[in-house]
């Protein structure tokens, strides 16, 4: 039983590392909000 627990713990740790690495390297462009994401004719001069 201990061997199974060790394998599950090791596998979950590896899965966590893979998930964290993927989250760090996946950085989409943050251009969804703000004036820059709108067309030029929609922007107002203030």
PDB file of N, CA and C in Angstrom:
ATOM      1  N   UNK A   1       0.826  -1.206   0.000  1.00  0.00           N
ATOM      2  CA  UNK A   1       0.000   0.000   0.000  1.00  0.00           C
ATOM      3  C   UNK A   1       0.863   1.260   0.000  1.00  0.00           C
ATOM      4  N   UNK A   2       1.981   1.207   0.722  1.00  0.00           N
ATOM      5  CA  UNK A   2       2.864   2.370   0.778  1.00  0.00           C
ATOM      6  C   UNK A   2       3.464   2.671  -0.587  1.00  0.00           C
ATOM      7  N   UNK A   3       3.756   1.625  -1.357  1.00  0.00           N
ATOM      8  CA  UNK A   3       4.333   1.826  -2.689  1.00  0.00           C
ATOM      9  C   UNK A   3       3.343   2.563  -3.582  1.00  0.00           C
ATOM     10  N   UNK A   4       2.070   2.209  -3.485  1.00  0.00           N
ATOM     11  CA  UNK A   4       1.038   2.869  -4.295  1.00  0.00           C
ATOM     12  C   UNK A   4       0.909   4.333  -3.881  1.00  0.00           C
ATOM     13  N   UNK A   5       0.929   4.591  -2.582  1.00  0.00           N
ATOM     14  CA  UNK A   5       0.836   5.976  -2.101  1.00  0.00           C
ATOM     15  C   UNK A   5       2.021   6.801  -2.581  1.00  0.00           C
ATOM     16  N   UNK A   6       3.211   6.202  -2.550  1.00  0.00           N
ATOM     17  CA  UNK A   6       4.400   6.914  -3.024  1.00  0.00           C
ATOM     18  C   UNK A   6       4.300   7.226  -4.507  1.00  0.00           C
ATOM     19  N   UNK A   7       3.804   6.273  -5.291  1.00  0.00           N
ATOM     20  CA  UNK A   7       3.668   6.499  -6.735  1.00  0.00           C
ATOM     21  C   UNK A   7       2.640   7.583  -7.021  1.00  0.00           C
ATOM     22  N   UNK A   8       1.534   7.566  -6.293  1.00  0.00           N
ATOM     23  CA  UNK A   8       0.500   8.581  -6.482  1.00  0.00           C
ATOM     24  C   UNK A   8       1.029   9.950  -6.082  1.00  0.00           C
ATOM     25  N   UNK A   9       1.755  10.017  -4.988  1.00  0.00           N
ATOM     26  CA  UNK A   9       2.320  11.289  -4.542  1.00  0.00           C
ATOM     27  C   UNK A   9       3.325  11.818  -5.557  1.00  0.00           C
ATOM     28  N   UNK A  10       4.166  10.935  -6.075  1.00  0.00           N
ATOM     29  CA  UNK A  10       5.162  11.357  -7.066  1.00  0.00           C
ATOM     30  C   UNK A  10       4.487  11.809  -8.353  1.00  0.00           C
ATOM     31  N   UNK A  11       3.481  11.070  -8.793  1.00  0.00           N
ATOM     32  CA  UNK A  11       2.776  11.424 -10.024  1.00  0.00           C
ATOM     33  C   UNK A  11       2.039  12.750  -9.876  1.00  0.00           C
ATOM     34  N   UNK A  12       1.411  12.969  -8.735  1.00  0.00           N
ATOM     35  CA  UNK A  12       0.696  14.231  -8.539  1.00  0.00           C
ATOM     36  C   UNK A  12       1.676  15.402  -8.451  1.00  0.00           C
ATOM     37  N   UNK A  13       2.844  15.171  -7.875  1.00  0.00           N
ATOM     38  CA  UNK A  13       3.860  16.223  -7.820  1.00  0.00           C
ATOM     39  C   UNK A  13       4.356  16.572  -9.215  1.00  0.00           C
ATOM     40  N   UNK A  14       4.592  15.556 -10.039  1.00  0.00           N
ATOM     41  CA  UNK A  14       5.032  15.794 -11.417  1.00  0.00           C
ATOM     42  C   UNK A  14       3.938  16.519 -12.194  1.00  0.00           C
ATOM     43  N   UNK A  15       2.684  16.122 -11.996  1.00  0.00           N
ATOM     44  CA  UNK A  15       1.574  16.786 -12.682  1.00  0.00           C
ATOM     45  C   UNK A  15       1.470  18.247 -12.250  1.00  0.00           C
ATOM     46  N   UNK A  16       1.689  18.514 -10.982  1.00  0.00           N
ATOM     47  CA  UNK A  16       1.662  19.891 -10.489  1.00  0.00           C
ATOM     48  C   UNK A  16       2.788  20.717 -11.109  1.00  0.00           C
ATOM     49  N   UNK A  17       3.973  20.129 -11.205  1.00  0.00           N
ATOM     50  CA  UNK A  17       5.090  20.835 -11.833  1.00  0.00           C
ATOM     51  C   UNK A  17       4.810  21.141 -13.296  1.00  0.00           C
ATOM     52  N   UNK A  18       4.249  20.176 -14.011  1.00  0.00           N
ATOM     53  CA  UNK A  18       3.928  20.387 -15.427  1.00  0.00           C
ATOM     54  C   UNK A  18       2.885  21.488 -15.566  1.00  0.00           C
ATOM     55  N   UNK A  19       1.879  21.482 -14.707  1.00  0.00           N
ATOM     56  CA  UNK A  19       0.833  22.501 -14.754  1.00  0.00           C
ATOM     57  C   UNK A  19       1.397  23.890 -14.468  1.00  0.00           C
ATOM     58  N   UNK A  20       2.241  23.991 -13.464  1.00  0.00           N
ATOM     59  CA  UNK A  20       2.837  25.284 -13.129  1.00  0.00           C
ATOM     60  C   UNK A  20       3.747  25.786 -14.254  1.00  0.00           C
ATOM     61  N   UNK A  21       4.512  24.889 -14.852  1.00  0.00           N
ATOM     62  CA  UNK A  21       5.388  25.282 -15.957  1.00  0.00           C
ATOM     63  C   UNK A  21       4.570  25.766 -17.141  1.00  0.00           C
ATOM     64  N   UNK A  22       3.486  25.060 -17.445  1.00  0.00           N
ATOM     65  CA  UNK A  22       2.626  25.468 -18.556  1.00  0.00           C
ATOM     66  C   UNK A  22       1.983  26.818 -18.265  1.00  0.00           C
ATOM     67  N   UNK A  23       1.582  27.050 -17.025  1.00  0.00           N
ATOM     68  CA  UNK A  23       0.955  28.325 -16.669  1.00  0.00           C
ATOM     69  C   UNK A  23       1.953  29.476 -16.757  1.00  0.00           C
ATOM     70  N   UNK A  24       3.207  29.208 -16.442  1.00  0.00           N
ATOM     71  CA  UNK A  24       4.219  30.263 -16.506  1.00  0.00           C
ATOM     72  C   UNK A  24       4.524  30.627 -17.949  1.00  0.00           C
ATOM     73  N   UNK A  25       4.648  29.619 -18.815  1.00  0.00           N
ATOM     74  CA  UNK A  25       5.045  29.887 -20.194  1.00  0.00           C
ATOM     75  C   UNK A  25       3.885  30.294 -21.085  1.00  0.00           C
ATOM     76  N   UNK A  26       2.646  30.035 -20.658  1.00  0.00           N
ATOM     77  CA  UNK A  26       1.490  30.451 -21.452  1.00  0.00           C
ATOM     78  C   UNK A  26       1.084  31.843 -20.996  1.00  0.00           C
ATOM     79  N   UNK A  27       1.520  32.849 -21.713  1.00  0.00           N
ATOM     80  CA  UNK A  27       1.191  34.230 -21.364  1.00  0.00           C
ATOM     81  C   UNK A  27       0.548  34.899 -22.572  1.00  0.00           C
ATOM     82  N   UNK A  28      -0.768  34.910 -22.635  1.00  0.00           N
ATOM     83  CA  UNK A  28      -1.434  35.564 -23.762  1.00  0.00           C
ATOM     84  C   UNK A  28      -1.272  37.080 -23.678  1.00  0.00           C
ATOM     85  N   UNK A  29      -1.397  37.723 -24.796  1.00  0.00           N
ATOM     86  CA  UNK A  29      -1.278  39.178 -24.829  1.00  0.00           C
ATOM     87  C   UNK A  29      -2.422  39.800 -24.039  1.00  0.00           C
ATOM     88  N   UNK A  30      -2.110  40.693 -23.156  1.00  0.00           N
ATOM     89  CA  UNK A  30      -3.121  41.319 -22.310  1.00  0.00           C
ATOM     90  C   UNK A  30      -3.649  42.573 -22.988  1.00  0.00           C
ATOM     91  N   UNK A  31      -4.354  42.395 -24.068  1.00  0.00           N
ATOM     92  CA  UNK A  31      -4.879  43.548 -24.798  1.00  0.00           C
ATOM     93  C   UNK A  31      -6.397  43.503 -24.889  1.00  0.00           C
ATOM     94  N   UNK A  32      -7.024  42.807 -23.986  1.00  0.00           N
ATOM     95  CA  UNK A  32      -8.470  42.677 -24.054  1.00  0.00           C
ATOM     96  C   UNK A  32      -9.176  43.896 -23.471  1.00  0.00           C
ATOM     97  N   UNK A  33      -8.548  44.584 -22.541  1.00  0.00           N
ATOM     98  CA  UNK A  33      -9.190  45.713 -21.879  1.00  0.00           C
ATOM     99  C   UNK A  33      -8.436  46.997 -22.191  1.00  0.00           C
ATOM    100  N   UNK A  34      -9.158  48.062 -22.126  1.00  0.00           N
ATOM    101  CA  UNK A  34      -8.508  49.351 -22.287  1.00  0.00           C
ATOM    102  C   UNK A  34      -8.738  49.965 -23.645  1.00  0.00           C
ATOM    103  N   UNK A  35      -8.239  51.171 -23.778  1.00  0.00           N
ATOM    104  CA  UNK A  35      -8.451  51.939 -24.998  1.00  0.00           C
ATOM    105  C   UNK A  35      -7.775  51.326 -26.209  1.00  0.00           C
ATOM    106  N   UNK A  36      -6.634  50.736 -26.010  1.00  0.00           N
ATOM    107  CA  UNK A  36      -5.852  50.234 -27.135  1.00  0.00           C
ATOM    108  C   UNK A  36      -6.576  49.120 -27.879  1.00  0.00           C
ATOM    109  N   UNK A  37      -7.495  48.422 -27.222  1.00  0.00           N
ATOM    110  CA  UNK A  37      -8.173  47.320 -27.885  1.00  0.00           C
ATOM    111  C   UNK A  37      -9.317  47.796 -28.774  1.00  0.00           C
ATOM    112  N   UNK A  38      -9.703  49.055 -28.658  1.00  0.00           N
ATOM    113  CA  UNK A  38     -10.800  49.581 -29.468  1.00  0.00           C
ATOM    114  C   UNK A  38     -10.276  50.136 -30.786  1.00  0.00           C
ATOM    115  N   UNK A  39     -11.159  50.205 -31.733  1.00  0.00           N
ATOM    116  CA  UNK A  39     -10.799  50.814 -33.012  1.00  0.00           C
ATOM    117  C   UNK A  39     -10.539  52.302 -32.804  1.00  0.00           C
ATOM    118  N   UNK A  40      -9.744  52.875 -33.682  1.00  0.00           N
ATOM    119  CA  UNK A  40      -9.336  54.275 -33.513  1.00  0.00           C
ATOM    120  C   UNK A  40     -10.522  55.229 -33.526  1.00  0.00           C
ATOM    121  N   UNK A  41     -11.525  54.967 -34.367  1.00  0.00           N
ATOM    122  CA  UNK A  41     -12.658  55.892 -34.451  1.00  0.00           C
ATOM    123  C   UNK A  41     -13.555  55.828 -33.222  1.00  0.00           C
ATOM    124  N   UNK A  42     -13.438  54.773 -32.417  1.00  0.00           N
ATOM    125  CA  UNK A  42     -14.267  54.655 -31.218  1.00  0.00           C
ATOM    126  C   UNK A  42     -13.657  55.375 -30.018  1.00  0.00           C
ATOM    127  N   UNK A  43     -12.361  55.630 -30.049  1.00  0.00           N
ATOM    128  CA  UNK A  43     -11.698  56.278 -28.918  1.00  0.00           C
ATOM    129  C   UNK A  43     -12.080  57.748 -28.839  1.00  0.00           C
ATOM    130  N   UNK A  44     -12.208  58.230 -27.621  1.00  0.00           N
ATOM    131  CA  UNK A  44     -12.552  59.640 -27.426  1.00  0.00           C
ATOM    132  C   UNK A  44     -11.331  60.380 -26.913  1.00  0.00           C
ATOM    133  N   UNK A  45     -11.194  61.607 -27.318  1.00  0.00           N
ATOM    134  CA  UNK A  45     -10.120  62.433 -26.770  1.00  0.00           C
ATOM    135  C   UNK A  45     -10.642  63.100 -25.508  1.00  0.00           C
ATOM    136  N   UNK A  46      -9.891  62.938 -24.447  1.00  0.00           N
ATOM    137  CA  UNK A  46     -10.320  63.559 -23.188  1.00  0.00           C
ATOM    138  C   UNK A  46      -9.234  64.468 -22.663  1.00  0.00           C
TER     139      UNK A  46
END
